[in-house]
N, C-alpha and C. Protein backbone atom coordinates (compact mmCIF):
# COMPACT_ATOMS: atom_id res chain seq x y z
N MET A 1 -46.27 -11.18 74.28
CA MET A 1 -45.22 -11.75 75.13
C MET A 1 -44.44 -10.64 75.82
N GLY A 2 -43.85 -10.98 76.96
CA GLY A 2 -43.04 -10.03 77.68
C GLY A 2 -41.61 -10.02 77.19
N PHE A 3 -40.76 -9.27 77.87
CA PHE A 3 -39.37 -9.12 77.42
C PHE A 3 -38.64 -10.45 77.36
N ASP A 4 -38.71 -11.25 78.42
CA ASP A 4 -37.94 -12.49 78.48
C ASP A 4 -38.25 -13.41 77.29
N GLU A 5 -39.54 -13.57 76.99
CA GLU A 5 -39.93 -14.45 75.88
C GLU A 5 -39.48 -13.88 74.54
N GLU A 6 -39.71 -12.59 74.34
CA GLU A 6 -39.33 -11.96 73.07
C GLU A 6 -37.82 -11.95 72.89
N TYR A 7 -37.11 -11.69 73.97
CA TYR A 7 -35.65 -11.67 73.89
C TYR A 7 -35.10 -13.04 73.51
N GLN A 8 -35.60 -14.09 74.14
CA GLN A 8 -35.12 -15.44 73.84
C GLN A 8 -35.45 -15.84 72.41
N SER A 9 -36.64 -15.46 71.97
CA SER A 9 -37.03 -15.75 70.59
C SER A 9 -36.15 -15.00 69.60
N PHE A 10 -35.87 -13.75 69.90
CA PHE A 10 -35.00 -12.91 69.08
C PHE A 10 -33.60 -13.50 68.98
N LEU A 11 -33.05 -13.88 70.12
CA LEU A 11 -31.69 -14.43 70.15
C LEU A 11 -31.63 -15.79 69.45
N ASN A 12 -32.61 -16.63 69.69
CA ASN A 12 -32.62 -17.96 69.07
C ASN A 12 -32.71 -17.86 67.54
N ALA A 13 -33.50 -16.92 67.06
CA ALA A 13 -33.65 -16.76 65.61
C ALA A 13 -32.31 -16.42 64.96
N HIS A 14 -31.54 -15.55 65.61
CA HIS A 14 -30.24 -15.17 65.06
C HIS A 14 -29.22 -16.30 65.21
N LEU A 15 -29.29 -17.03 66.30
CA LEU A 15 -28.38 -18.16 66.49
C LEU A 15 -28.61 -19.24 65.43
N GLN A 16 -29.86 -19.51 65.14
CA GLN A 16 -30.19 -20.54 64.16
C GLN A 16 -29.82 -20.14 62.74
N ALA A 17 -29.78 -18.82 62.49
CA ALA A 17 -29.51 -18.35 61.13
C ALA A 17 -28.01 -18.21 60.83
N ARG A 18 -27.16 -18.41 61.85
CA ARG A 18 -25.73 -18.17 61.67
C ARG A 18 -24.90 -19.44 61.67
N ARG A 19 -23.73 -19.32 61.02
CA ARG A 19 -22.79 -20.42 60.95
C ARG A 19 -21.37 -19.88 61.17
N GLY A 20 -20.46 -20.77 61.47
CA GLY A 20 -19.05 -20.42 61.55
C GLY A 20 -18.73 -19.32 62.54
N GLU A 21 -17.88 -18.36 62.10
CA GLU A 21 -17.40 -17.29 62.96
C GLU A 21 -18.53 -16.38 63.41
N ARG A 22 -19.49 -16.15 62.54
CA ARG A 22 -20.62 -15.29 62.90
C ARG A 22 -21.42 -15.90 64.06
N LEU A 23 -21.57 -17.20 64.04
CA LEU A 23 -22.26 -17.89 65.13
C LEU A 23 -21.43 -17.84 66.41
N ARG A 24 -20.14 -18.15 66.29
CA ARG A 24 -19.27 -18.14 67.47
C ARG A 24 -19.25 -16.76 68.10
N ARG A 25 -19.21 -15.74 67.28
CA ARG A 25 -19.15 -14.37 67.81
C ARG A 25 -20.42 -14.04 68.59
N LEU A 26 -21.56 -14.47 68.07
CA LEU A 26 -22.81 -14.19 68.77
C LEU A 26 -22.87 -14.97 70.08
N GLN A 27 -22.41 -16.20 70.07
CA GLN A 27 -22.44 -17.03 71.27
C GLN A 27 -21.52 -16.48 72.36
N GLU A 28 -20.36 -15.97 71.96
CA GLU A 28 -19.36 -15.52 72.94
C GLU A 28 -19.37 -14.01 73.18
N GLY A 29 -19.81 -13.23 72.19
CA GLY A 29 -19.73 -11.78 72.32
C GLY A 29 -20.97 -11.13 72.89
N HIS A 30 -22.10 -11.84 72.82
CA HIS A 30 -23.35 -11.29 73.33
C HIS A 30 -23.49 -11.68 74.80
N ASN A 31 -23.34 -10.69 75.69
CA ASN A 31 -23.33 -11.01 77.11
C ASN A 31 -24.23 -10.08 77.92
N GLN A 32 -23.91 -9.91 79.18
CA GLN A 32 -24.74 -9.16 80.11
C GLN A 32 -24.99 -7.72 79.66
N ALA A 33 -23.95 -7.05 79.20
CA ALA A 33 -24.09 -5.65 78.81
C ALA A 33 -25.07 -5.49 77.65
N GLU A 34 -24.94 -6.37 76.63
CA GLU A 34 -25.81 -6.29 75.46
C GLU A 34 -27.25 -6.63 75.82
N MET A 35 -27.45 -7.62 76.70
CA MET A 35 -28.79 -7.97 77.13
C MET A 35 -29.43 -6.85 77.93
N LEU A 36 -28.64 -6.22 78.79
CA LEU A 36 -29.17 -5.13 79.61
C LEU A 36 -29.60 -3.94 78.76
N PHE A 37 -28.87 -3.69 77.69
CA PHE A 37 -29.25 -2.61 76.77
C PHE A 37 -30.64 -2.86 76.20
N LEU A 38 -30.88 -4.09 75.79
CA LEU A 38 -32.20 -4.41 75.25
C LEU A 38 -33.29 -4.28 76.31
N LYS A 39 -33.01 -4.78 77.50
CA LYS A 39 -34.02 -4.81 78.56
C LYS A 39 -34.36 -3.43 79.10
N GLN A 40 -33.33 -2.61 79.34
CA GLN A 40 -33.56 -1.33 80.01
C GLN A 40 -33.69 -0.13 79.07
N VAL A 41 -33.20 -0.29 77.85
CA VAL A 41 -33.22 0.85 76.93
C VAL A 41 -34.14 0.58 75.74
N TRP A 42 -33.88 -0.49 75.01
CA TRP A 42 -34.62 -0.71 73.76
C TRP A 42 -36.07 -1.14 73.98
N TRP A 43 -36.28 -2.16 74.81
CA TRP A 43 -37.61 -2.72 75.00
C TRP A 43 -38.64 -1.71 75.51
N PRO A 44 -38.32 -0.86 76.49
CA PRO A 44 -39.32 0.10 76.96
C PRO A 44 -39.75 1.11 75.90
N ILE A 45 -38.96 1.26 74.84
CA ILE A 45 -39.32 2.20 73.77
C ILE A 45 -40.17 1.51 72.71
N PHE A 46 -39.72 0.34 72.23
CA PHE A 46 -40.33 -0.27 71.05
C PHE A 46 -41.17 -1.52 71.33
N TYR A 47 -40.88 -2.25 72.40
CA TYR A 47 -41.57 -3.49 72.72
C TYR A 47 -41.46 -4.53 71.60
N ASN A 48 -40.39 -4.43 70.81
CA ASN A 48 -40.06 -5.45 69.81
C ASN A 48 -38.61 -5.23 69.40
N PHE A 49 -38.06 -6.17 68.62
CA PHE A 49 -36.67 -6.07 68.19
C PHE A 49 -36.54 -6.04 66.66
N LYS A 50 -37.57 -5.51 66.00
CA LYS A 50 -37.55 -5.43 64.54
C LYS A 50 -36.37 -4.58 64.07
N TYR A 51 -35.78 -5.01 62.98
CA TYR A 51 -34.67 -4.30 62.31
C TYR A 51 -33.38 -4.28 63.12
N LEU A 52 -33.34 -4.99 64.24
CA LEU A 52 -32.16 -4.98 65.11
C LEU A 52 -31.38 -6.29 64.94
N HIS A 53 -30.06 -6.18 64.77
CA HIS A 53 -29.20 -7.34 64.54
C HIS A 53 -28.06 -7.35 65.56
N PRO A 54 -27.97 -8.40 66.40
CA PRO A 54 -26.90 -8.46 67.40
C PRO A 54 -25.59 -8.97 66.79
N GLU A 55 -24.47 -8.47 67.29
CA GLU A 55 -23.15 -8.90 66.82
C GLU A 55 -23.12 -8.94 65.29
N TYR A 56 -23.40 -7.78 64.71
CA TYR A 56 -23.53 -7.67 63.24
C TYR A 56 -22.17 -7.53 62.58
N GLU A 57 -21.91 -8.36 61.59
CA GLU A 57 -20.61 -8.39 60.93
C GLU A 57 -20.50 -7.32 59.85
N VAL A 58 -19.41 -6.56 59.86
CA VAL A 58 -19.12 -5.57 58.82
C VAL A 58 -17.68 -5.73 58.38
N ASP A 59 -17.36 -5.25 57.19
CA ASP A 59 -15.99 -5.29 56.70
C ASP A 59 -15.14 -4.27 57.45
N ASP A 60 -13.99 -4.71 57.90
CA ASP A 60 -13.07 -3.83 58.59
C ASP A 60 -12.25 -3.03 57.59
N PHE A 61 -11.82 -1.84 57.98
CA PHE A 61 -11.04 -1.01 57.05
C PHE A 61 -9.68 -1.63 56.73
N LYS A 62 -9.28 -2.65 57.48
CA LYS A 62 -8.02 -3.36 57.21
C LYS A 62 -8.28 -4.67 56.48
N ASP A 63 -9.40 -4.75 55.78
CA ASP A 63 -9.76 -5.93 54.99
C ASP A 63 -10.09 -7.16 55.84
N GLY A 64 -10.40 -6.95 57.08
CA GLY A 64 -10.83 -8.04 57.94
C GLY A 64 -12.31 -7.90 58.25
N LYS A 65 -12.73 -8.45 59.38
CA LYS A 65 -14.12 -8.35 59.82
C LYS A 65 -14.16 -7.78 61.23
N ARG A 66 -15.21 -7.05 61.52
CA ARG A 66 -15.46 -6.61 62.88
C ARG A 66 -16.93 -6.78 63.17
N TYR A 67 -17.28 -6.71 64.45
CA TYR A 67 -18.67 -6.99 64.85
C TYR A 67 -19.20 -5.84 65.70
N LEU A 68 -20.38 -5.39 65.32
CA LEU A 68 -21.05 -4.32 66.06
C LEU A 68 -21.98 -4.94 67.10
N ASP A 69 -22.05 -4.34 68.28
CA ASP A 69 -22.95 -4.89 69.31
C ASP A 69 -24.36 -5.03 68.75
N TYR A 70 -24.85 -3.95 68.15
CA TYR A 70 -26.17 -3.98 67.50
C TYR A 70 -26.15 -3.11 66.26
N ALA A 71 -26.80 -3.60 65.22
CA ALA A 71 -27.01 -2.80 64.01
C ALA A 71 -28.51 -2.66 63.80
N TYR A 72 -28.96 -1.42 63.64
CA TYR A 72 -30.37 -1.15 63.33
C TYR A 72 -30.41 -0.80 61.86
N ILE A 73 -31.06 -1.66 61.05
CA ILE A 73 -30.99 -1.51 59.60
C ILE A 73 -32.38 -1.50 58.99
N ARG A 74 -32.66 -0.44 58.26
CA ARG A 74 -33.88 -0.30 57.48
C ARG A 74 -33.47 0.37 56.17
N PRO A 75 -34.33 0.40 55.16
CA PRO A 75 -33.94 1.05 53.90
C PRO A 75 -33.43 2.47 54.13
N GLY A 76 -32.19 2.70 53.75
CA GLY A 76 -31.61 4.03 53.89
C GLY A 76 -31.11 4.37 55.28
N ILE A 77 -31.21 3.43 56.23
CA ILE A 77 -30.82 3.70 57.61
C ILE A 77 -29.86 2.62 58.11
N ARG A 78 -28.73 3.03 58.65
CA ARG A 78 -27.79 2.09 59.28
C ARG A 78 -27.25 2.75 60.54
N ILE A 79 -27.68 2.24 61.70
CA ILE A 79 -27.26 2.80 62.98
C ILE A 79 -26.55 1.72 63.78
N CYS A 80 -25.38 2.04 64.29
CA CYS A 80 -24.62 1.13 65.13
C CYS A 80 -24.78 1.56 66.59
N PHE A 81 -25.17 0.62 67.45
CA PHE A 81 -25.25 0.86 68.89
C PHE A 81 -24.20 0.00 69.59
N GLU A 82 -23.34 0.63 70.36
CA GLU A 82 -22.29 -0.07 71.08
C GLU A 82 -22.45 0.17 72.58
N VAL A 83 -22.23 -0.88 73.37
CA VAL A 83 -22.24 -0.78 74.83
C VAL A 83 -20.85 -1.14 75.32
N ASP A 84 -20.14 -0.17 75.88
CA ASP A 84 -18.75 -0.36 76.28
C ASP A 84 -18.64 -0.54 77.79
N GLY A 85 -18.05 -1.64 78.20
CA GLY A 85 -17.79 -1.85 79.62
C GLY A 85 -16.51 -1.17 80.03
N TYR A 86 -16.41 -0.84 81.31
CA TYR A 86 -15.18 -0.23 81.84
C TYR A 86 -14.47 -1.28 82.68
N GLY A 87 -13.29 -1.68 82.23
CA GLY A 87 -12.58 -2.73 82.95
C GLY A 87 -11.08 -2.51 82.92
N PRO A 88 -10.32 -3.40 83.52
CA PRO A 88 -8.86 -3.28 83.58
C PRO A 88 -8.20 -3.19 82.21
N HIS A 89 -8.83 -3.84 81.17
CA HIS A 89 -8.19 -3.84 79.86
C HIS A 89 -8.11 -2.44 79.26
N LEU A 90 -9.05 -1.57 79.65
CA LEU A 90 -9.03 -0.20 79.12
C LEU A 90 -7.84 0.59 79.66
N LYS A 91 -7.44 0.29 80.90
CA LYS A 91 -6.33 1.01 81.50
C LYS A 91 -5.00 0.62 80.86
N SER A 92 -4.94 -0.62 80.35
CA SER A 92 -3.68 -1.09 79.79
C SER A 92 -3.61 -0.99 78.28
N ILE A 93 -4.63 -0.40 77.67
CA ILE A 93 -4.65 -0.29 76.22
C ILE A 93 -3.50 0.60 75.74
N SER A 94 -2.87 0.21 74.66
CA SER A 94 -1.73 0.98 74.15
C SER A 94 -2.22 2.19 73.36
N ARG A 95 -1.32 3.11 73.12
CA ARG A 95 -1.65 4.29 72.31
C ARG A 95 -2.07 3.86 70.90
N TRP A 96 -1.38 2.84 70.37
CA TRP A 96 -1.70 2.37 69.03
C TRP A 96 -3.09 1.77 68.99
N GLN A 97 -3.44 0.99 70.02
CA GLN A 97 -4.76 0.38 70.07
C GLN A 97 -5.85 1.44 70.23
N PHE A 98 -5.56 2.47 71.01
CA PHE A 98 -6.51 3.56 71.19
C PHE A 98 -6.77 4.26 69.86
N SER A 99 -5.71 4.55 69.12
CA SER A 99 -5.85 5.19 67.82
C SER A 99 -6.59 4.30 66.83
N ASP A 100 -6.28 3.00 66.90
CA ASP A 100 -6.93 2.05 66.01
C ASP A 100 -8.43 1.99 66.24
N ASN A 101 -8.85 2.04 67.50
CA ASN A 101 -10.28 2.03 67.82
C ASN A 101 -10.98 3.26 67.27
N LEU A 102 -10.31 4.41 67.36
CA LEU A 102 -10.90 5.64 66.81
C LEU A 102 -11.01 5.55 65.30
N GLU A 103 -9.99 5.00 64.67
CA GLU A 103 -10.01 4.86 63.21
C GLU A 103 -11.13 3.94 62.75
N ARG A 104 -11.36 2.87 63.50
CA ARG A 104 -12.44 1.94 63.16
C ARG A 104 -13.79 2.66 63.19
N GLN A 105 -13.99 3.49 64.22
CA GLN A 105 -15.26 4.22 64.30
C GLN A 105 -15.37 5.23 63.17
N ASN A 106 -14.29 5.91 62.86
CA ASN A 106 -14.30 6.87 61.75
C ASN A 106 -14.70 6.20 60.45
N GLN A 107 -14.17 5.00 60.21
CA GLN A 107 -14.48 4.29 58.98
C GLN A 107 -15.94 3.90 58.89
N LEU A 108 -16.53 3.55 60.02
CA LEU A 108 -17.96 3.25 60.03
C LEU A 108 -18.77 4.47 59.59
N VAL A 109 -18.41 5.62 60.11
CA VAL A 109 -19.10 6.86 59.76
C VAL A 109 -18.92 7.16 58.28
N ILE A 110 -17.71 7.00 57.78
CA ILE A 110 -17.43 7.23 56.36
C ILE A 110 -18.26 6.29 55.49
N ASP A 111 -18.47 5.06 55.97
CA ASP A 111 -19.25 4.07 55.23
C ASP A 111 -20.75 4.28 55.35
N GLY A 112 -21.16 5.34 56.02
CA GLY A 112 -22.57 5.67 56.08
C GLY A 112 -23.31 5.25 57.34
N TRP A 113 -22.56 4.80 58.35
CA TRP A 113 -23.18 4.40 59.61
C TRP A 113 -23.29 5.59 60.56
N THR A 114 -24.37 5.63 61.31
CA THR A 114 -24.48 6.50 62.47
C THR A 114 -24.04 5.67 63.67
N VAL A 115 -23.09 6.16 64.45
CA VAL A 115 -22.53 5.39 65.56
C VAL A 115 -22.93 6.01 66.90
N ILE A 116 -23.60 5.23 67.74
CA ILE A 116 -24.02 5.67 69.06
C ILE A 116 -23.40 4.74 70.10
N ARG A 117 -22.70 5.30 71.07
CA ARG A 117 -22.02 4.49 72.07
C ARG A 117 -22.50 4.84 73.48
N PHE A 118 -22.73 3.80 74.27
CA PHE A 118 -23.10 3.96 75.67
C PHE A 118 -22.10 3.18 76.53
N SER A 119 -21.90 3.65 77.75
CA SER A 119 -21.13 2.85 78.69
C SER A 119 -22.09 1.89 79.40
N TYR A 120 -21.55 0.84 79.93
CA TYR A 120 -22.37 -0.11 80.69
C TYR A 120 -23.02 0.60 81.88
N ASP A 121 -22.27 1.49 82.52
CA ASP A 121 -22.82 2.22 83.67
C ASP A 121 -24.00 3.10 83.27
N GLN A 122 -23.94 3.71 82.08
CA GLN A 122 -25.05 4.53 81.62
C GLN A 122 -26.30 3.67 81.43
N VAL A 123 -26.13 2.54 80.79
CA VAL A 123 -27.26 1.64 80.53
C VAL A 123 -27.86 1.16 81.85
N LYS A 124 -27.02 0.86 82.82
CA LYS A 124 -27.48 0.34 84.10
C LYS A 124 -28.08 1.40 85.01
N GLU A 125 -27.42 2.57 85.07
CA GLU A 125 -27.82 3.60 86.04
C GLU A 125 -28.66 4.72 85.44
N GLN A 126 -28.57 4.94 84.15
CA GLN A 126 -29.30 6.05 83.51
C GLN A 126 -30.06 5.56 82.27
N PRO A 127 -30.88 4.53 82.40
CA PRO A 127 -31.56 3.98 81.22
C PRO A 127 -32.48 4.98 80.53
N ARG A 128 -33.12 5.86 81.30
CA ARG A 128 -34.03 6.83 80.68
C ARG A 128 -33.27 7.78 79.77
N ARG A 129 -32.10 8.21 80.19
CA ARG A 129 -31.29 9.10 79.34
C ARG A 129 -30.87 8.37 78.07
N CYS A 130 -30.51 7.10 78.20
CA CYS A 130 -30.14 6.31 77.03
C CYS A 130 -31.34 6.16 76.09
N GLN A 131 -32.52 5.95 76.66
CA GLN A 131 -33.73 5.85 75.84
C GLN A 131 -33.95 7.13 75.03
N GLN A 132 -33.73 8.27 75.67
CA GLN A 132 -33.93 9.54 74.98
C GLN A 132 -32.98 9.69 73.81
N ILE A 133 -31.74 9.25 73.99
CA ILE A 133 -30.76 9.34 72.91
C ILE A 133 -31.15 8.43 71.75
N VAL A 134 -31.59 7.21 72.06
CA VAL A 134 -32.03 6.28 71.01
C VAL A 134 -33.22 6.87 70.26
N GLN A 135 -34.16 7.44 70.99
CA GLN A 135 -35.33 8.04 70.35
C GLN A 135 -34.93 9.21 69.46
N GLN A 136 -33.98 10.00 69.91
CA GLN A 136 -33.54 11.15 69.13
C GLN A 136 -32.85 10.73 67.84
N VAL A 137 -31.96 9.73 67.93
CA VAL A 137 -31.22 9.35 66.73
C VAL A 137 -32.11 8.65 65.72
N ILE A 138 -33.01 7.79 66.18
CA ILE A 138 -33.93 7.13 65.25
C ILE A 138 -34.97 8.13 64.76
N GLY A 139 -35.31 9.08 65.62
CA GLY A 139 -36.27 10.10 65.23
C GLY A 139 -35.82 10.97 64.08
N GLN A 140 -34.50 11.02 63.81
CA GLN A 140 -34.00 11.79 62.68
C GLN A 140 -34.47 11.22 61.35
N TRP A 141 -34.90 9.96 61.37
CA TRP A 141 -35.32 9.30 60.13
C TRP A 141 -36.85 9.19 60.06
N LEU A 142 -37.54 9.99 60.85
CA LEU A 142 -38.98 9.81 60.96
C LEU A 142 -39.78 10.90 60.29
N GLY A 143 -41.02 10.56 59.98
CA GLY A 143 -41.95 11.55 59.45
C GLY A 143 -43.24 11.48 60.24
N ASP A 144 -44.13 12.39 60.02
CA ASP A 144 -45.40 12.41 60.74
C ASP A 144 -46.23 11.18 60.41
N GLU A 145 -46.59 10.37 61.43
CA GLU A 145 -47.28 9.11 61.18
C GLU A 145 -48.65 9.30 60.54
N GLN A 146 -49.34 10.35 60.88
CA GLN A 146 -50.65 10.59 60.30
C GLN A 146 -50.52 10.86 58.80
N ASN A 147 -49.53 11.63 58.41
CA ASN A 147 -49.32 11.92 57.00
C ASN A 147 -48.85 10.69 56.25
N GLN A 148 -48.13 9.80 56.92
CA GLN A 148 -47.57 8.63 56.26
C GLN A 148 -48.65 7.72 55.70
N THR A 149 -49.83 7.69 56.31
CA THR A 149 -50.87 6.79 55.84
C THR A 149 -51.28 7.11 54.42
N ALA A 150 -51.05 8.34 53.98
CA ALA A 150 -51.45 8.75 52.63
C ALA A 150 -50.27 8.73 51.66
N LEU A 151 -49.13 8.21 52.08
CA LEU A 151 -47.95 8.19 51.24
C LEU A 151 -47.78 6.84 50.55
N SER A 152 -47.38 6.90 49.27
CA SER A 152 -47.07 5.67 48.55
C SER A 152 -45.66 5.24 48.90
N THR A 153 -45.28 4.04 48.46
CA THR A 153 -43.94 3.52 48.74
C THR A 153 -42.86 4.42 48.16
N VAL A 154 -43.05 4.88 46.92
CA VAL A 154 -42.02 5.72 46.29
C VAL A 154 -41.95 7.09 46.96
N GLU A 155 -43.08 7.60 47.44
CA GLU A 155 -43.06 8.89 48.14
C GLU A 155 -42.27 8.78 49.44
N LYS A 156 -42.44 7.66 50.15
CA LYS A 156 -41.68 7.44 51.38
C LYS A 156 -40.18 7.35 51.08
N GLU A 157 -39.83 6.71 49.96
CA GLU A 157 -38.42 6.59 49.60
C GLU A 157 -37.81 7.95 49.30
N VAL A 158 -38.58 8.83 48.68
CA VAL A 158 -38.09 10.18 48.40
C VAL A 158 -37.83 10.92 49.72
N LEU A 159 -38.73 10.76 50.69
CA LEU A 159 -38.54 11.41 51.99
C LEU A 159 -37.32 10.86 52.71
N ARG A 160 -37.11 9.55 52.61
CA ARG A 160 -35.92 8.96 53.22
C ARG A 160 -34.65 9.54 52.59
N LEU A 161 -34.68 9.71 51.28
CA LEU A 161 -33.53 10.30 50.59
C LEU A 161 -33.28 11.71 51.08
N ALA A 162 -34.34 12.50 51.24
CA ALA A 162 -34.20 13.88 51.70
C ALA A 162 -33.67 13.94 53.13
N VAL A 163 -34.16 13.03 53.99
CA VAL A 163 -33.70 13.00 55.38
C VAL A 163 -32.23 12.60 55.45
N ARG A 164 -31.88 11.56 54.68
CA ARG A 164 -30.51 11.07 54.72
C ARG A 164 -29.51 12.11 54.19
N LYS A 165 -29.90 12.84 53.14
CA LYS A 165 -29.00 13.84 52.57
C LYS A 165 -28.85 15.03 53.51
N GLY A 166 -29.94 15.43 54.16
CA GLY A 166 -29.86 16.53 55.11
C GLY A 166 -29.88 17.91 54.49
N GLU A 167 -30.11 17.98 53.18
CA GLU A 167 -30.18 19.26 52.48
C GLU A 167 -31.09 19.09 51.28
N ALA A 168 -31.20 20.13 50.46
CA ALA A 168 -32.12 20.08 49.32
C ALA A 168 -31.78 18.93 48.37
N ILE A 169 -32.82 18.35 47.79
CA ILE A 169 -32.64 17.29 46.80
C ILE A 169 -33.10 17.80 45.44
N TYR A 170 -32.56 17.21 44.39
CA TYR A 170 -32.88 17.62 43.03
C TYR A 170 -33.57 16.48 42.28
N PRO A 171 -34.44 16.80 41.33
CA PRO A 171 -35.13 15.76 40.57
C PRO A 171 -34.19 14.72 39.96
N LYS A 172 -33.05 15.16 39.45
CA LYS A 172 -32.10 14.21 38.85
C LYS A 172 -31.59 13.20 39.87
N GLU A 173 -31.40 13.65 41.12
CA GLU A 173 -30.97 12.74 42.18
C GLU A 173 -32.03 11.68 42.44
N VAL A 174 -33.29 12.13 42.46
CA VAL A 174 -34.40 11.21 42.72
C VAL A 174 -34.55 10.22 41.56
N GLU A 175 -34.37 10.71 40.32
CA GLU A 175 -34.44 9.82 39.16
C GLU A 175 -33.42 8.69 39.29
N LYS A 176 -32.20 9.06 39.65
CA LYS A 176 -31.13 8.07 39.78
C LYS A 176 -31.41 7.13 40.94
N TYR A 177 -31.91 7.66 42.05
CA TYR A 177 -32.16 6.87 43.25
C TYR A 177 -33.29 5.86 43.03
N LEU A 178 -34.37 6.29 42.39
CA LEU A 178 -35.53 5.43 42.19
C LEU A 178 -35.53 4.73 40.83
N LYS A 179 -34.61 5.16 39.95
CA LYS A 179 -34.55 4.60 38.59
C LYS A 179 -35.88 4.78 37.86
N LEU A 180 -36.39 6.02 37.92
CA LEU A 180 -37.64 6.37 37.26
C LEU A 180 -37.42 7.51 36.28
N SER A 181 -38.39 7.73 35.40
CA SER A 181 -38.28 8.78 34.39
C SER A 181 -38.43 10.17 35.00
N ASP A 182 -38.00 11.16 34.24
CA ASP A 182 -38.10 12.56 34.67
C ASP A 182 -39.55 12.94 34.96
N LYS A 183 -40.44 12.55 34.08
CA LYS A 183 -41.86 12.91 34.24
C LYS A 183 -42.46 12.27 35.48
N THR A 184 -42.15 10.99 35.70
CA THR A 184 -42.69 10.29 36.87
C THR A 184 -42.18 10.91 38.16
N VAL A 185 -40.89 11.23 38.21
CA VAL A 185 -40.29 11.81 39.40
C VAL A 185 -40.90 13.17 39.70
N ARG A 186 -41.11 13.97 38.67
CA ARG A 186 -41.70 15.30 38.92
C ARG A 186 -43.13 15.19 39.41
N ASN A 187 -43.84 14.18 38.96
CA ASN A 187 -45.20 13.97 39.47
C ASN A 187 -45.15 13.58 40.95
N ILE A 188 -44.19 12.72 41.32
CA ILE A 188 -44.03 12.31 42.72
C ILE A 188 -43.69 13.52 43.59
N LEU A 189 -42.75 14.34 43.13
CA LEU A 189 -42.35 15.51 43.89
C LEU A 189 -43.50 16.50 44.03
N SER A 190 -44.28 16.65 42.97
CA SER A 190 -45.44 17.56 43.03
C SER A 190 -46.46 17.08 44.06
N ARG A 191 -46.68 15.76 44.12
CA ARG A 191 -47.63 15.22 45.09
C ARG A 191 -47.14 15.47 46.51
N LEU A 192 -45.85 15.32 46.73
CA LEU A 192 -45.29 15.55 48.07
C LEU A 192 -45.38 17.03 48.45
N VAL A 193 -45.26 17.90 47.48
CA VAL A 193 -45.43 19.33 47.75
C VAL A 193 -46.88 19.61 48.13
N GLU A 194 -47.82 19.00 47.39
CA GLU A 194 -49.24 19.18 47.69
C GLU A 194 -49.59 18.67 49.09
N LYS A 195 -48.91 17.62 49.52
CA LYS A 195 -49.15 17.05 50.85
C LYS A 195 -48.34 17.76 51.93
N LYS A 196 -47.59 18.80 51.50
CA LYS A 196 -46.79 19.62 52.40
C LYS A 196 -45.67 18.83 53.07
N MET A 197 -45.24 17.73 52.46
CA MET A 197 -44.12 16.97 52.96
C MET A 197 -42.80 17.52 52.42
N LEU A 198 -42.86 18.17 51.25
CA LEU A 198 -41.69 18.84 50.68
C LEU A 198 -42.06 20.27 50.34
N LEU A 199 -41.06 21.13 50.31
CA LEU A 199 -41.22 22.51 49.89
C LEU A 199 -40.31 22.76 48.71
N PRO A 200 -40.83 23.37 47.63
CA PRO A 200 -39.97 23.64 46.46
C PRO A 200 -39.07 24.84 46.71
N ALA A 201 -37.87 24.77 46.17
CA ALA A 201 -36.94 25.90 46.23
C ALA A 201 -36.85 26.51 44.84
N SER A 202 -36.48 27.77 44.76
CA SER A 202 -36.41 28.43 43.46
C SER A 202 -35.29 27.83 42.63
N GLY A 203 -35.46 27.87 41.33
CA GLY A 203 -34.44 27.32 40.43
C GLY A 203 -34.52 27.97 39.07
N ILE A 204 -33.73 27.47 38.15
CA ILE A 204 -33.71 27.99 36.81
C ILE A 204 -34.54 27.09 35.91
N LYS A 205 -35.52 27.68 35.20
CA LYS A 205 -36.42 26.94 34.33
C LYS A 205 -37.07 25.80 35.12
N ARG A 206 -36.91 24.54 34.64
CA ARG A 206 -37.55 23.41 35.29
C ARG A 206 -36.69 22.81 36.38
N VAL A 207 -35.47 23.27 36.50
CA VAL A 207 -34.57 22.69 37.50
C VAL A 207 -34.77 23.40 38.82
N ARG A 208 -35.33 22.71 39.76
CA ARG A 208 -35.51 23.28 41.09
C ARG A 208 -35.26 22.19 42.13
N SER A 209 -34.93 22.60 43.32
CA SER A 209 -34.65 21.65 44.40
C SER A 209 -35.81 21.64 45.37
N TYR A 210 -35.79 20.64 46.24
CA TYR A 210 -36.86 20.47 47.21
C TYR A 210 -36.27 20.19 48.58
N ARG A 211 -36.91 20.70 49.61
CA ARG A 211 -36.48 20.43 50.97
C ARG A 211 -37.66 19.95 51.78
N LEU A 212 -37.36 19.31 52.92
CA LEU A 212 -38.42 18.77 53.76
C LEU A 212 -39.34 19.87 54.27
N GLY A 213 -40.62 19.58 54.25
CA GLY A 213 -41.59 20.55 54.73
C GLY A 213 -42.23 20.16 56.03
N VAL A 214 -41.74 19.04 56.64
CA VAL A 214 -42.30 18.56 57.91
C VAL A 214 -41.17 18.32 58.89
N GLN A 215 -41.51 18.37 60.16
CA GLN A 215 -40.55 18.03 61.21
C GLN A 215 -40.50 16.52 61.34
N ILE A 216 -39.29 15.95 61.45
CA ILE A 216 -39.12 14.51 61.55
C ILE A 216 -39.33 14.07 63.00
N LYS A 217 -40.29 13.19 63.22
CA LYS A 217 -40.62 12.77 64.59
C LYS A 217 -40.73 11.25 64.75
N HIS A 218 -41.34 10.57 63.80
CA HIS A 218 -41.64 9.14 63.96
C HIS A 218 -41.12 8.36 62.76
N PRO A 219 -40.84 7.04 62.90
CA PRO A 219 -40.26 6.26 61.81
C PRO A 219 -41.14 6.25 60.56
N ILE A 220 -40.50 6.37 59.40
CA ILE A 220 -41.20 6.21 58.13
C ILE A 220 -41.33 4.72 57.89
N LYS A 221 -42.53 4.19 57.97
CA LYS A 221 -42.73 2.74 57.91
C LYS A 221 -43.04 2.31 56.49
């Protein structure tokens, strides 16, 4: 199917799955800017809308609710995409409201979200540049697709942990993350070293750390 059919199917699925305020927000908050982002930026890259959630509800730092234009969610990955229009309301925004908006974004980052914001003009006039940014940010969570075919589910989870942390990981961290025994985790780490997906770092006795041994390019599926 082409964009129009896939987009309508995508939107209908989310509309049917929602009730109350979440439904109202999707009906009223999803408009031209959000649709244009999908058409000119997202679709030409992926040709599907997997893992993407429109008008996604999150807890506000003031104990309320707020809605993200789009949330891209996969195991270990939470990316917020916002499309901001430029209108008269921005000129009249108060200093307090401006500070509040910044605080809301800070809290998302603290809660583990990656936040990417585009203006409506960027999406409309510079879609290729927006595509590059989307590819770059999602690419941070990727591994070599050819190598992935030989990876087990737990091996992929270890790589996601290493990518998300951004620095060396330790066997004890992996044990806690996967809820597996010391022996099992060390076998997993050894296999990843053999596959050149991880590189061992020096340590004391059996305690050693591991870092990524591959460049991140494509999604870990």
